[in-house]
Amino acid sequence: MANTKQTSKSVASKASKILSDNRYSSNSKSVAASALSQTKTKK
């Protein structure tokens, strides 16, 4: 069974900001990267 859940646009936007901000820990960035990897891609 495939996972069909996807990250919303607002969460993806916040995750992107976390990845580009050096104030966040590597654990936070890992979670943000995981969230971004689950976003729907535009074709």
PDB file of N, CA and C in Angstrom:
ATOM      1  N   MET A   1       0.838  -1.167   0.000  1.00  0.00           N
ATOM      2  CA  MET A   1       0.000   0.000   0.000  1.00  0.00           C
ATOM      3  C   MET A   1       0.894   1.244   0.000  1.00  0.00           C
ATOM      4  N   ALA A   2       0.656   2.128  -0.937  1.00  0.00           N
ATOM      5  CA  ALA A   2       1.474   3.331  -1.082  1.00  0.00           C
ATOM      6  C   ALA A   2       0.973   4.437  -0.159  1.00  0.00           C
ATOM      7  N   ASN A   3       1.893   5.271   0.281  1.00  0.00           N
ATOM      8  CA  ASN A   3       1.550   6.434   1.095  1.00  0.00           C
ATOM      9  C   ASN A   3       1.101   7.547   0.156  1.00  0.00           C
ATOM     10  N   THR A   4      -0.145   7.978   0.282  1.00  0.00           N
ATOM     11  CA  THR A   4      -0.672   9.000  -0.622  1.00  0.00           C
ATOM     12  C   THR A   4      -0.734  10.382   0.011  1.00  0.00           C
ATOM     13  N   LYS A   5      -0.265  10.520   1.239  1.00  0.00           N
ATOM     14  CA  LYS A   5      -0.290  11.817   1.918  1.00  0.00           C
ATOM     15  C   LYS A   5       0.792  12.722   1.341  1.00  0.00           C
ATOM     16  N   GLN A   6       0.473  14.014   1.249  1.00  0.00           N
ATOM     17  CA  GLN A   6       1.435  14.969   0.728  1.00  0.00           C
ATOM     18  C   GLN A   6       1.451  16.218   1.599  1.00  0.00           C
ATOM     19  N   THR A   7       2.587  16.882   1.589  1.00  0.00           N
ATOM     20  CA  THR A   7       2.776  18.096   2.382  1.00  0.00           C
ATOM     21  C   THR A   7       2.029  19.265   1.736  1.00  0.00           C
ATOM     22  N   SER A   8       1.357  20.063   2.566  1.00  0.00           N
ATOM     23  CA  SER A   8       0.635  21.225   2.057  1.00  0.00           C
ATOM     24  C   SER A   8       1.604  22.327   1.635  1.00  0.00           C
ATOM     25  N   LYS A   9       1.089  23.284   0.874  1.00  0.00           N
ATOM     26  CA  LYS A   9       1.925  24.390   0.400  1.00  0.00           C
ATOM     27  C   LYS A   9       2.466  25.214   1.553  1.00  0.00           C
ATOM     28  N   SER A  10       1.659  25.455   2.576  1.00  0.00           N
ATOM     29  CA  SER A  10       2.121  26.283   3.699  1.00  0.00           C
ATOM     30  C   SER A  10       3.232  25.589   4.485  1.00  0.00           C
ATOM     31  N   VAL A  11       3.112  24.293   4.676  1.00  0.00           N
ATOM     32  CA  VAL A  11       4.155  23.543   5.390  1.00  0.00           C
ATOM     33  C   VAL A  11       5.419  23.483   4.549  1.00  0.00           C
ATOM     34  N   ALA A  12       5.272  23.301   3.248  1.00  0.00           N
ATOM     35  CA  ALA A  12       6.432  23.262   2.360  1.00  0.00           C
ATOM     36  C   ALA A  12       7.169  24.594   2.375  1.00  0.00           C
ATOM     37  N   SER A  13       6.429  25.676   2.428  1.00  0.00           N
ATOM     38  CA  SER A  13       7.043  27.000   2.469  1.00  0.00           C
ATOM     39  C   SER A  13       7.838  27.196   3.756  1.00  0.00           C
ATOM     40  N   LYS A  14       7.273  26.780   4.873  1.00  0.00           N
ATOM     41  CA  LYS A  14       7.969  26.899   6.154  1.00  0.00           C
ATOM     42  C   LYS A  14       9.199  25.995   6.187  1.00  0.00           C
ATOM     43  N   ALA A  15       9.084  24.802   5.622  1.00  0.00           N
ATOM     44  CA  ALA A  15      10.219  23.877   5.584  1.00  0.00           C
ATOM     45  C   ALA A  15      11.355  24.459   4.759  1.00  0.00           C
ATOM     46  N   SER A  16      11.014  25.112   3.671  1.00  0.00           N
ATOM     47  CA  SER A  16      12.026  25.738   2.830  1.00  0.00           C
ATOM     48  C   SER A  16      12.773  26.828   3.587  1.00  0.00           C
ATOM     49  N   LYS A  17      12.041  27.605   4.372  1.00  0.00           N
ATOM     50  CA  LYS A  17      12.669  28.666   5.163  1.00  0.00           C
ATOM     51  C   LYS A  17      13.581  28.083   6.243  1.00  0.00           C
ATOM     52  N   ILE A  18      13.183  26.976   6.835  1.00  0.00           N
ATOM     53  CA  ILE A  18      14.010  26.324   7.858  1.00  0.00           C
ATOM     54  C   ILE A  18      15.317  25.849   7.245  1.00  0.00           C
ATOM     55  N   LEU A  19      15.255  25.274   6.055  1.00  0.00           N
ATOM     56  CA  LEU A  19      16.460  24.760   5.406  1.00  0.00           C
ATOM     57  C   LEU A  19      17.447  25.866   5.062  1.00  0.00           C
ATOM     58  N   SER A  20      16.950  27.049   4.790  1.00  0.00           N
ATOM     59  CA  SER A  20      17.841  28.131   4.389  1.00  0.00           C
ATOM     60  C   SER A  20      18.309  28.995   5.567  1.00  0.00           C
ATOM     61  N   ASP A  21      17.844  28.694   6.778  1.00  0.00           N
ATOM     62  CA  ASP A  21      18.193  29.476   7.960  1.00  0.00           C
ATOM     63  C   ASP A  21      19.184  28.691   8.828  1.00  0.00           C
ATOM     64  N   ASN A  22      20.331  29.263   9.075  1.00  0.00           N
ATOM     65  CA  ASN A  22      21.377  28.576   9.840  1.00  0.00           C
ATOM     66  C   ASN A  22      21.092  28.497  11.340  1.00  0.00           C
ATOM     67  N   ARG A  23      20.029  29.114  11.813  1.00  0.00           N
ATOM     68  CA  ARG A  23      19.717  29.074  13.249  1.00  0.00           C
ATOM     69  C   ARG A  23      19.094  27.751  13.672  1.00  0.00           C
ATOM     70  N   TYR A  24      18.646  26.935  12.721  1.00  0.00           N
ATOM     71  CA  TYR A  24      17.972  25.682  13.057  1.00  0.00           C
ATOM     72  C   TYR A  24      18.970  24.534  13.133  1.00  0.00           C
ATOM     73  N   SER A  25      18.664  23.554  13.970  1.00  0.00           N
ATOM     74  CA  SER A  25      19.549  22.403  14.153  1.00  0.00           C
ATOM     75  C   SER A  25      19.476  21.464  12.956  1.00  0.00           C
ATOM     76  N   SER A  26      20.424  20.555  12.899  1.00  0.00           N
ATOM     77  CA  SER A  26      20.432  19.584  11.804  1.00  0.00           C
ATOM     78  C   SER A  26      19.207  18.669  11.880  1.00  0.00           C
ATOM     79  N   ASN A  27      18.703  18.407  13.085  1.00  0.00           N
ATOM     80  CA  ASN A  27      17.503  17.585  13.230  1.00  0.00           C
ATOM     81  C   ASN A  27      16.292  18.302  12.638  1.00  0.00           C
ATOM     82  N   SER A  28      16.180  19.594  12.887  1.00  0.00           N
ATOM     83  CA  SER A  28      15.075  20.371  12.335  1.00  0.00           C
ATOM     84  C   SER A  28      15.149  20.393  10.817  1.00  0.00           C
ATOM     85  N   LYS A  29      16.362  20.548  10.306  1.00  0.00           N
ATOM     86  CA  LYS A  29      16.537  20.584   8.854  1.00  0.00           C
ATOM     87  C   LYS A  29      16.226  19.238   8.230  1.00  0.00           C
ATOM     88  N   SER A  30      16.515  18.170   8.933  1.00  0.00           N
ATOM     89  CA  SER A  30      16.209  16.832   8.439  1.00  0.00           C
ATOM     90  C   SER A  30      14.697  16.629   8.309  1.00  0.00           C
ATOM     91  N   VAL A  31      13.967  17.092   9.309  1.00  0.00           N
ATOM     92  CA  VAL A  31      12.499  16.984   9.280  1.00  0.00           C
ATOM     93  C   VAL A  31      11.935  17.855   8.154  1.00  0.00           C
ATOM     94  N   ALA A  32      12.487  19.049   7.993  1.00  0.00           N
ATOM     95  CA  ALA A  32      12.041  19.953   6.931  1.00  0.00           C
ATOM     96  C   ALA A  32      12.303  19.344   5.555  1.00  0.00           C
ATOM     97  N   ALA A  33      13.463  18.732   5.388  1.00  0.00           N
ATOM     98  CA  ALA A  33      13.791  18.100   4.115  1.00  0.00           C
ATOM     99  C   ALA A  33      12.849  16.936   3.828  1.00  0.00           C
ATOM    100  N   SER A  34      12.504  16.202   4.851  1.00  0.00           N
ATOM    101  CA  SER A  34      11.565  15.096   4.687  1.00  0.00           C
ATOM    102  C   SER A  34      10.193  15.610   4.248  1.00  0.00           C
ATOM    103  N   ALA A  35       9.772  16.703   4.849  1.00  0.00           N
ATOM    104  CA  ALA A  35       8.481  17.297   4.474  1.00  0.00           C
ATOM    105  C   ALA A  35       8.506  17.758   3.019  1.00  0.00           C
ATOM    106  N   LEU A  36       9.607  18.376   2.610  1.00  0.00           N
ATOM    107  CA  LEU A  36       9.699  18.849   1.227  1.00  0.00           C
ATOM    108  C   LEU A  36       9.740  17.698   0.235  1.00  0.00           C
ATOM    109  N   SER A  37      10.301  16.586   0.637  1.00  0.00           N
ATOM    110  CA  SER A  37      10.371  15.443  -0.273  1.00  0.00           C
ATOM    111  C   SER A  37       8.995  14.827  -0.520  1.00  0.00           C
ATOM    112  N   GLN A  38       8.036  15.191   0.319  1.00  0.00           N
ATOM    113  CA  GLN A  38       6.683  14.650   0.179  1.00  0.00           C
ATOM    114  C   GLN A  38       5.721  15.637  -0.469  1.00  0.00           C
ATOM    115  N   THR A  39       6.246  16.709  -1.045  1.00  0.00           N
ATOM    116  CA  THR A  39       5.388  17.671  -1.714  1.00  0.00           C
ATOM    117  C   THR A  39       5.051  17.197  -3.118  1.00  0.00           C
ATOM    118  N   LYS A  40       3.958  17.685  -3.623  1.00  0.00           N
ATOM    119  CA  LYS A  40       3.552  17.325  -4.975  1.00  0.00           C
ATOM    120  C   LYS A  40       4.369  18.160  -5.968  1.00  0.00           C
ATOM    121  N   THR A  41       4.936  17.509  -6.941  1.00  0.00           N
ATOM    122  CA  THR A  41       5.747  18.224  -7.919  1.00  0.00           C
ATOM    123  C   THR A  41       4.879  18.727  -9.061  1.00  0.00           C
ATOM    124  N   LYS A  42       5.249  19.892  -9.594  1.00  0.00           N
ATOM    125  CA  LYS A  42       4.533  20.447 -10.735  1.00  0.00           C
ATOM    126  C   LYS A  42       5.090  19.839 -12.013  1.00  0.00           C
ATOM    127  N   LYS A  43       4.211  19.493 -12.898  1.00  0.00           N
ATOM    128  CA  LYS A  43       4.649  18.907 -14.168  1.00  0.00           C
ATOM    129  C   LYS A  43       4.340  19.813 -15.321  1.00  0.00           C
TER     130      LYS A  43
END
